[in-house]
């Protein structure tokens, strides 16, 4: 696996399942990126509004309070340039299309292919 060094980058991980977050955290820890974790879309919107140092959002789609589609739409209203990568375990054909329509810049399905995941992130960092 290629060595990625995102020491000066901050990623917001929006994931309601702790086990899924732990996997993403373990992968990203090796890149030295700073990781912020929230568990629902509403918190993601609030975090993006209050923290302008976030460089990338990894957005789960199916979550309580506010889903990833709506959170992405709201974030893009005030920060069009913030890259958002959607992720979901419910990998239906329309999920990718709906993610892009909502404003996500890319999409990855669970279980996450780590190499593909890191390459997708590197496209935006």
Protein backbone atom coordinates (compact mmCIF):
# COMPACT_ATOMS: atom_id res chain seq x y z
CA UNK A 1 0.00 0.00 0.00
CA UNK A 2 1.21 3.43 -0.97
CA UNK A 3 2.24 5.70 1.89
CA UNK A 4 -0.09 8.64 2.31
CA UNK A 5 0.87 11.57 4.50
CA UNK A 6 -1.97 13.96 5.27
CA UNK A 7 -0.41 15.33 8.43
CA UNK A 8 -1.83 18.84 7.96
CA UNK A 9 -5.31 17.72 6.87
CA UNK A 10 -8.52 17.34 8.85
CA UNK A 11 -11.19 14.81 7.88
CA UNK A 12 -14.72 14.71 9.21
CA UNK A 13 -16.02 11.14 9.45
CA UNK A 14 -19.80 11.01 9.62
CA UNK A 15 -20.71 7.49 10.71
CA UNK A 16 -23.34 6.26 13.17
CA UNK A 17 -21.86 2.77 13.65
CA UNK A 18 -18.87 2.82 15.99
CA UNK A 19 -17.34 -0.34 14.47
CA UNK A 20 -17.38 1.24 11.00
CA UNK A 21 -15.83 4.41 12.39
CA UNK A 22 -13.09 2.38 14.14
CA UNK A 23 -12.14 0.77 10.82
CA UNK A 24 -11.95 4.14 9.04
CA UNK A 25 -10.03 5.59 11.97
CA UNK A 26 -7.50 2.72 11.88
CA UNK A 27 -6.92 3.25 8.16
CA UNK A 28 -6.63 7.03 8.42
CA UNK A 29 -4.43 6.95 11.52
CA UNK A 30 -1.57 5.72 9.30
CA UNK A 31 -1.92 8.84 7.15
CA UNK A 32 -1.45 11.19 10.14
CA UNK A 33 -4.64 13.09 9.24
CA UNK A 34 -6.61 14.67 12.06
CA UNK A 35 -9.97 12.91 12.40
CA UNK A 36 -13.20 14.37 13.74
CA UNK A 37 -16.12 11.98 14.30
CA UNK A 38 -19.84 12.74 14.38
CA UNK A 39 -22.70 10.24 14.32
CA UNK A 40 -25.45 11.94 12.32
CA UNK A 41 -25.98 14.33 9.43
CA UNK A 42 -27.22 17.22 11.55
CA UNK A 43 -24.02 17.14 13.62
CA UNK A 44 -22.00 16.98 10.39
CA UNK A 45 -23.64 20.16 9.08
CA UNK A 46 -23.04 21.93 12.39
CA UNK A 47 -19.40 20.77 12.53
CA UNK A 48 -18.73 21.96 8.96
CA UNK A 49 -20.29 25.34 9.77
CA UNK A 50 -18.16 25.80 12.88
CA UNK A 51 -14.83 24.37 11.68
CA UNK A 52 -13.31 25.79 8.50
CA UNK A 53 -10.24 23.57 8.84
CA UNK A 54 -12.08 20.46 7.60
CA UNK A 55 -10.51 19.40 4.30
CA UNK A 56 -12.72 16.42 3.44
CA UNK A 57 -15.91 14.72 4.64
CA UNK A 58 -16.49 10.97 4.61
CA UNK A 59 -20.29 10.76 4.74
CA UNK A 60 -22.36 7.73 5.64
CA UNK A 61 -25.70 7.78 3.84
CA UNK A 62 -28.06 5.90 6.16
CA UNK A 63 -28.06 7.63 9.56
CA UNK A 64 -30.47 8.79 12.25
CA UNK A 65 -31.59 12.42 12.70
CA UNK A 66 -30.53 13.49 9.17
CA UNK A 67 -29.34 11.21 6.39
CA UNK A 68 -26.17 11.77 4.39
CA UNK A 69 -28.00 13.02 1.29
CA UNK A 70 -29.66 15.89 3.16
CA UNK A 71 -26.50 16.67 5.17
CA UNK A 72 -24.51 16.88 1.93
CA UNK A 73 -27.06 19.21 0.33
CA UNK A 74 -26.95 21.51 3.37
CA UNK A 75 -23.13 21.53 3.58
CA UNK A 76 -22.79 22.30 -0.13
CA UNK A 77 -25.08 25.35 0.31
CA UNK A 78 -22.41 27.11 2.37
CA UNK A 79 -19.24 25.29 1.25
CA UNK A 80 -19.41 24.19 -2.38
CA UNK A 81 -15.70 23.35 -2.51
CA UNK A 82 -15.58 20.94 0.44
CA UNK A 83 -15.06 17.43 -0.98
CA UNK A 84 -17.53 14.83 0.30
CA UNK A 85 -17.13 11.11 -0.27
CA UNK A 86 -20.33 9.14 0.33
CA UNK A 87 -20.16 5.65 1.83
CA UNK A 88 -22.90 3.14 2.42
CA UNK A 89 -23.44 -0.52 3.15
CA UNK A 90 -26.65 -0.47 1.13
CA UNK A 91 -24.82 -0.56 -2.19
CA UNK A 92 -27.67 -0.17 -4.62
CA UNK A 93 -27.05 1.21 -8.11
CA UNK A 94 -29.14 4.28 -7.32
CA UNK A 95 -27.11 5.07 -4.16
CA UNK A 96 -24.14 6.20 -6.21
CA UNK A 97 -26.31 8.31 -8.49
CA UNK A 98 -28.30 9.79 -5.59
CA UNK A 99 -25.07 10.60 -3.75
CA UNK A 100 -23.74 12.53 -6.73
CA UNK A 101 -27.08 14.30 -7.25
CA UNK A 102 -27.03 15.37 -3.56
CA UNK A 103 -23.61 16.95 -4.12
CA UNK A 104 -21.12 14.27 -3.09
CA UNK A 105 -17.89 14.34 -5.08
CA UNK A 106 -17.40 10.56 -5.00
CA UNK A 107 -18.83 7.35 -3.59
CA UNK A 108 -17.56 4.12 -2.06
CA UNK A 109 -19.53 1.09 -0.89
CA UNK A 110 -19.01 -0.93 2.28
CA UNK A 111 -17.17 -3.06 3.01
CA UNK A 112 -14.58 -0.48 2.08
CA UNK A 113 -11.69 -1.51 -0.14
CA UNK A 114 -8.87 0.26 1.72
CA UNK A 115 -6.66 0.83 -1.31
CA UNK A 116 -9.54 2.25 -3.35
CA UNK A 117 -10.65 4.36 -0.38
CA UNK A 118 -7.22 5.98 0.04
CA UNK A 119 -6.94 6.61 -3.71
CA UNK A 120 -10.34 8.33 -3.73
CA UNK A 121 -9.31 10.56 -0.83
CA UNK A 122 -6.00 11.41 -2.50
CA UNK A 123 -7.93 12.70 -5.53
CA UNK A 124 -9.27 15.52 -3.37
CA UNK A 125 -6.34 16.22 -1.03
